[in-house]
N, C-alpha and C. Protein backbone atom coordinates (compact mmCIF):
# COMPACT_ATOMS: atom_id res chain seq x y z
N MET A 1 30.99 62.90 43.34
CA MET A 1 29.67 63.64 43.52
C MET A 1 28.86 63.38 44.74
N ASP A 2 28.34 64.31 45.49
CA ASP A 2 27.67 64.04 46.48
C ASP A 2 26.31 63.78 46.12
N THR A 3 25.58 63.08 46.95
CA THR A 3 24.29 62.48 46.96
C THR A 3 23.66 62.87 48.08
N ARG A 4 22.03 62.76 48.08
CA ARG A 4 21.20 63.42 49.25
C ARG A 4 20.42 62.05 49.59
N ILE A 5 20.45 62.14 51.01
CA ILE A 5 19.65 61.17 51.75
C ILE A 5 18.41 61.82 52.19
N GLN A 6 17.25 61.14 52.23
CA GLN A 6 16.03 61.63 52.91
C GLN A 6 15.49 60.55 53.90
N PHE A 7 14.99 60.80 54.85
CA PHE A 7 14.37 59.84 55.55
C PHE A 7 13.18 60.57 56.61
N ARG A 8 12.40 59.89 57.07
CA ARG A 8 11.33 60.50 58.03
C ARG A 8 11.53 60.15 59.19
N VAL A 9 11.25 61.11 60.27
CA VAL A 9 10.86 61.06 61.49
C VAL A 9 9.59 61.72 62.19
N ASP A 10 9.32 61.33 63.00
CA ASP A 10 8.04 62.44 63.71
C ASP A 10 8.54 63.60 63.97
N GLU A 11 7.57 64.88 63.94
CA GLU A 11 8.02 66.17 64.40
C GLU A 11 9.00 66.51 65.66
N GLU A 12 8.29 65.31 66.65
CA GLU A 12 9.08 65.81 67.83
C GLU A 12 10.33 65.16 67.98
N THR A 13 10.54 63.97 67.45
CA THR A 13 12.20 63.68 66.99
C THR A 13 12.93 64.76 66.73
N LYS A 14 12.26 65.49 65.56
CA LYS A 14 13.12 66.25 64.79
C LYS A 14 13.33 67.08 65.79
N ARG A 15 12.62 67.77 66.26
CA ARG A 15 12.54 69.21 67.05
C ARG A 15 13.60 68.56 68.45
N LEU A 16 13.56 67.73 68.67
CA LEU A 16 14.48 67.28 69.65
C LEU A 16 15.82 67.16 69.40
N ALA A 17 16.02 66.64 68.24
CA ALA A 17 17.26 66.35 67.99
C ALA A 17 17.93 67.80 67.31
N GLN A 18 17.04 68.56 66.72
CA GLN A 18 17.61 69.76 66.23
C GLN A 18 18.05 70.82 67.70
N LEU A 19 17.19 70.73 68.71
CA LEU A 19 17.52 71.28 69.96
C LEU A 19 18.89 70.86 70.39
N MET A 20 19.10 69.38 70.21
CA MET A 20 20.47 68.61 70.70
C MET A 20 21.81 69.36 70.09
N THR A 21 21.51 69.32 68.91
CA THR A 21 22.70 69.68 67.64
C THR A 21 22.84 71.06 67.61
N GLU A 22 21.98 72.29 67.93
CA GLU A 22 22.17 73.56 67.84
C GLU A 22 22.83 73.48 69.19
N SER A 23 22.50 72.84 70.40
CA SER A 23 23.29 73.25 71.48
C SER A 23 24.61 72.84 71.59
N GLN A 24 25.00 72.01 70.47
CA GLN A 24 26.40 71.43 70.12
C GLN A 24 27.52 72.59 68.97
N GLY A 25 26.38 73.68 68.52
CA GLY A 25 26.98 74.43 67.70
C GLY A 25 27.26 73.89 66.35
N ARG A 26 25.93 72.95 65.92
CA ARG A 26 26.21 72.31 64.63
C ARG A 26 24.84 71.89 64.09
N THR A 27 24.58 71.73 63.03
CA THR A 27 23.12 71.58 62.23
C THR A 27 23.01 69.95 62.46
N LEU A 28 21.32 69.77 62.16
CA LEU A 28 21.14 68.60 62.15
C LEU A 28 21.65 67.55 61.26
N SER A 29 21.76 68.25 59.93
CA SER A 29 22.13 67.96 58.78
C SER A 29 23.77 67.72 58.87
N ASP A 30 24.31 68.46 59.78
CA ASP A 30 26.03 67.97 60.12
C ASP A 30 25.81 66.84 60.85
N ALA A 31 25.07 66.61 61.70
CA ALA A 31 25.02 65.37 62.62
C ALA A 31 24.78 64.22 61.75
N CYS A 32 23.44 64.03 60.87
CA CYS A 32 23.48 63.07 60.40
C CYS A 32 24.57 62.79 59.04
N ARG A 33 25.28 63.67 58.70
CA ARG A 33 26.46 63.51 57.89
C ARG A 33 27.43 62.82 58.53
N GLU A 34 27.64 63.51 59.81
CA GLU A 34 28.86 62.87 60.45
C GLU A 34 28.76 61.14 61.07
N LEU A 35 27.05 61.15 61.12
CA LEU A 35 26.83 59.91 61.46
C LEU A 35 27.22 58.96 60.48
N THR A 36 26.38 59.20 58.93
CA THR A 36 26.60 58.56 58.01
C THR A 36 28.11 58.26 57.52
N VAL A 37 28.86 59.19 57.52
CA VAL A 37 30.13 59.28 57.44
C VAL A 37 31.18 58.12 58.19
N GLY A 38 30.49 58.32 59.44
CA GLY A 38 30.98 57.09 60.70
C GLY A 38 30.55 55.78 60.41
N LEU A 39 29.34 55.68 59.96
CA LEU A 39 29.04 54.36 59.41
C LEU A 39 29.84 53.71 58.31
N ALA A 40 29.90 54.50 57.35
CA ALA A 40 30.75 54.01 56.32
C ALA A 40 32.24 53.30 56.48
N GLU A 41 32.52 54.39 57.41
CA GLU A 41 34.37 53.92 58.06
C GLU A 41 34.31 52.88 58.53
N GLU A 42 33.27 52.48 59.45
CA GLU A 42 32.94 51.09 60.31
C GLU A 42 33.00 49.98 59.12
N GLN A 43 32.02 50.26 58.17
CA GLN A 43 31.90 49.55 57.17
C GLN A 43 33.24 49.13 56.45
N ARG A 44 34.06 50.44 55.93
CA ARG A 44 35.18 49.84 55.37
C ARG A 44 36.17 48.99 56.13
N LYS A 45 36.28 49.44 57.51
CA LYS A 45 37.13 48.66 58.39
C LYS A 45 36.71 47.19 58.26
N SER A 46 35.34 46.94 58.12
CA SER A 46 35.16 45.58 58.65
C SER A 46 35.38 44.89 57.27
N MET A 47 35.36 45.56 55.99
CA MET A 47 35.46 44.96 54.71
C MET A 47 37.14 44.80 54.66
N THR A 48 37.66 45.68 55.36
CA THR A 48 39.31 45.40 55.15
C THR A 48 39.49 44.40 55.88
N HIS A 49 39.03 44.07 57.18
CA HIS A 49 39.60 43.13 57.66
C HIS A 49 38.90 41.71 57.38
N ASP A 50 37.84 41.74 56.84
CA ASP A 50 37.26 40.34 55.85
C ASP A 50 38.21 40.07 54.83
N LEU A 51 38.53 40.97 54.21
CA LEU A 51 39.81 40.75 53.14
C LEU A 51 40.89 40.18 53.80
N TRP A 52 41.64 40.78 54.77
CA TRP A 52 42.76 40.20 55.50
C TRP A 52 42.45 38.95 55.64
N LEU A 53 41.42 38.59 56.47
CA LEU A 53 41.00 37.20 57.13
C LEU A 53 41.33 36.39 55.78
N THR A 54 40.36 36.71 54.86
CA THR A 54 40.17 35.53 53.63
C THR A 54 41.78 35.43 53.08
N GLU A 55 42.53 36.40 52.91
CA GLU A 55 43.85 36.34 52.49
C GLU A 55 44.49 35.18 53.43
N GLN A 56 44.60 35.47 54.86
CA GLN A 56 45.03 34.73 55.60
C GLN A 56 44.44 33.18 56.00
N ILE A 57 43.53 32.88 55.40
CA ILE A 57 42.68 31.46 55.53
C ILE A 57 43.24 30.92 53.97
N ASN A 58 43.17 31.52 52.84
CA ASN A 58 43.73 31.08 51.77
C ASN A 58 45.33 30.63 51.86
N ALA A 59 45.99 31.29 52.52
CA ALA A 59 47.58 31.29 52.36
C ALA A 59 47.79 29.90 53.48
N ALA A 60 46.80 29.64 54.62
CA ALA A 60 46.73 28.76 55.24
C ALA A 60 46.66 27.61 54.29
N PHE A 61 45.39 27.29 53.65
CA PHE A 61 44.96 26.54 52.61
C PHE A 61 46.24 26.12 51.70
N ASP A 62 46.72 27.21 51.17
CA ASP A 62 47.61 26.95 50.06
C ASP A 62 49.16 26.20 50.92
N LYS A 63 49.42 26.38 51.91
CA LYS A 63 50.47 25.99 52.87
C LYS A 63 50.12 24.40 52.79
N PHE A 64 48.90 24.43 53.44
CA PHE A 64 48.48 22.57 53.36
C PHE A 64 48.52 22.20 52.15
N ASP A 65 48.02 22.44 51.25
CA ASP A 65 47.91 21.95 49.85
C ASP A 65 49.34 21.50 49.43
N SER A 66 50.29 22.36 49.76
CA SER A 66 51.73 22.25 49.23
C SER A 66 52.61 21.36 50.04
N GLY A 67 51.90 21.15 51.18
CA GLY A 67 52.64 19.90 52.14
C GLY A 67 53.52 20.56 52.87
N LYS A 68 53.47 21.88 53.11
CA LYS A 68 54.30 22.52 53.90
C LYS A 68 54.25 23.20 55.50
N ALA A 69 52.60 22.51 55.73
CA ALA A 69 51.98 22.78 56.90
C ALA A 69 52.91 22.01 58.15
N ASN A 70 52.66 22.48 59.00
CA ASN A 70 53.55 21.97 60.41
C ASN A 70 52.52 21.98 61.25
N PHE A 71 51.80 20.41 61.42
CA PHE A 71 50.86 20.33 62.59
C PHE A 71 51.62 20.22 63.76
N ILE A 72 50.77 20.91 65.09
CA ILE A 72 51.08 20.48 66.13
C ILE A 72 50.13 19.84 66.93
N GLU A 73 50.53 19.28 67.84
CA GLU A 73 49.35 18.21 68.61
C GLU A 73 48.79 19.33 69.72
N HIS A 74 47.71 18.82 70.17
CA HIS A 74 46.91 19.86 70.82
C HIS A 74 47.72 20.29 72.35
N ASN A 75 48.10 19.18 73.05
CA ASN A 75 49.08 19.58 74.48
C ASN A 75 50.03 20.46 74.25
N GLU A 76 50.85 19.98 72.89
CA GLU A 76 51.98 21.32 72.67
C GLU A 76 51.46 22.66 72.44
N ALA A 77 50.44 22.54 71.50
CA ALA A 77 49.67 24.07 71.50
C ALA A 77 49.53 24.60 72.56
N LYS A 78 48.79 24.21 73.72
CA LYS A 78 48.59 24.78 74.83
C LYS A 78 49.65 24.99 75.51
N THR A 79 50.71 24.15 75.67
CA THR A 79 52.00 24.60 76.55
C THR A 79 52.77 25.63 75.66
N GLN A 80 52.69 25.86 74.24
CA GLN A 80 53.32 27.16 73.66
C GLN A 80 52.65 28.17 73.95
N MET A 81 51.40 28.22 73.98
CA MET A 81 50.20 29.23 74.05
C MET A 81 50.59 29.77 75.77
N GLU A 82 50.60 28.79 76.37
CA GLU A 82 50.68 29.31 77.84
C GLU A 82 52.26 30.20 78.07
N ALA A 83 53.03 29.53 77.30
CA ALA A 83 54.64 30.36 77.24
C ALA A 83 54.50 31.67 76.66
N ARG A 84 53.86 31.80 75.66
CA ARG A 84 53.68 32.81 75.15
C ARG A 84 52.95 33.97 75.96
N LYS A 85 51.73 33.35 76.55
CA LYS A 85 50.93 34.33 77.19
C LYS A 85 51.99 34.77 78.50
N MET A 86 52.67 33.78 79.19
CA MET A 86 53.58 34.04 80.43
C MET A 86 54.52 35.11 80.12
N LYS A 87 55.15 34.84 79.09
CA LYS A 87 55.82 36.43 78.37
C LYS A 87 55.51 37.58 78.21
N ILE A 88 54.08 37.52 77.44
CA ILE A 88 53.61 38.62 77.53
C ILE A 88 53.45 39.39 78.91
N ARG A 89 52.74 38.54 79.73
CA ARG A 89 52.39 39.06 81.16
C ARG A 89 53.93 39.54 82.19
N ASN A 90 54.89 39.10 82.16
CA ASN A 90 55.88 39.36 82.50
C ASN A 90 56.60 40.67 81.75
N ARG A 91 56.38 40.84 80.55
CA ARG A 91 56.96 41.99 79.58
C ARG A 91 55.69 43.06 80.21
N ASP A 92 54.81 43.12 80.40
CA ASP A 92 53.71 44.12 80.98
C ASP A 92 54.25 44.47 82.43
N ARG A 93 54.57 43.58 83.33
CA ARG A 93 54.89 43.86 84.74
C ARG A 93 56.42 44.91 84.76
N ALA A 94 57.35 44.66 83.37
CA ALA A 94 58.71 45.06 83.56
C ALA A 94 58.60 46.66 83.67
């Protein structure tokens, strides 16, 4: 079911917005609808990412709690990361 959104702006803002949308071959309602749909899509993406991140964090804690976590010393982690970065850089140059 569709719903209606109402908001207020001053007359000059409305007039200028209508001129802009008309020059693009659409209505002000179309532009407001597109903006609203775009905002909703951005929120969906954000919520999906937040859910994914929460799952990753919970999986890491589960791994830690089960004793299956593998800890790497800071210097070793830096060395491994530099090797990965170099591999990516070299792949991009190929």
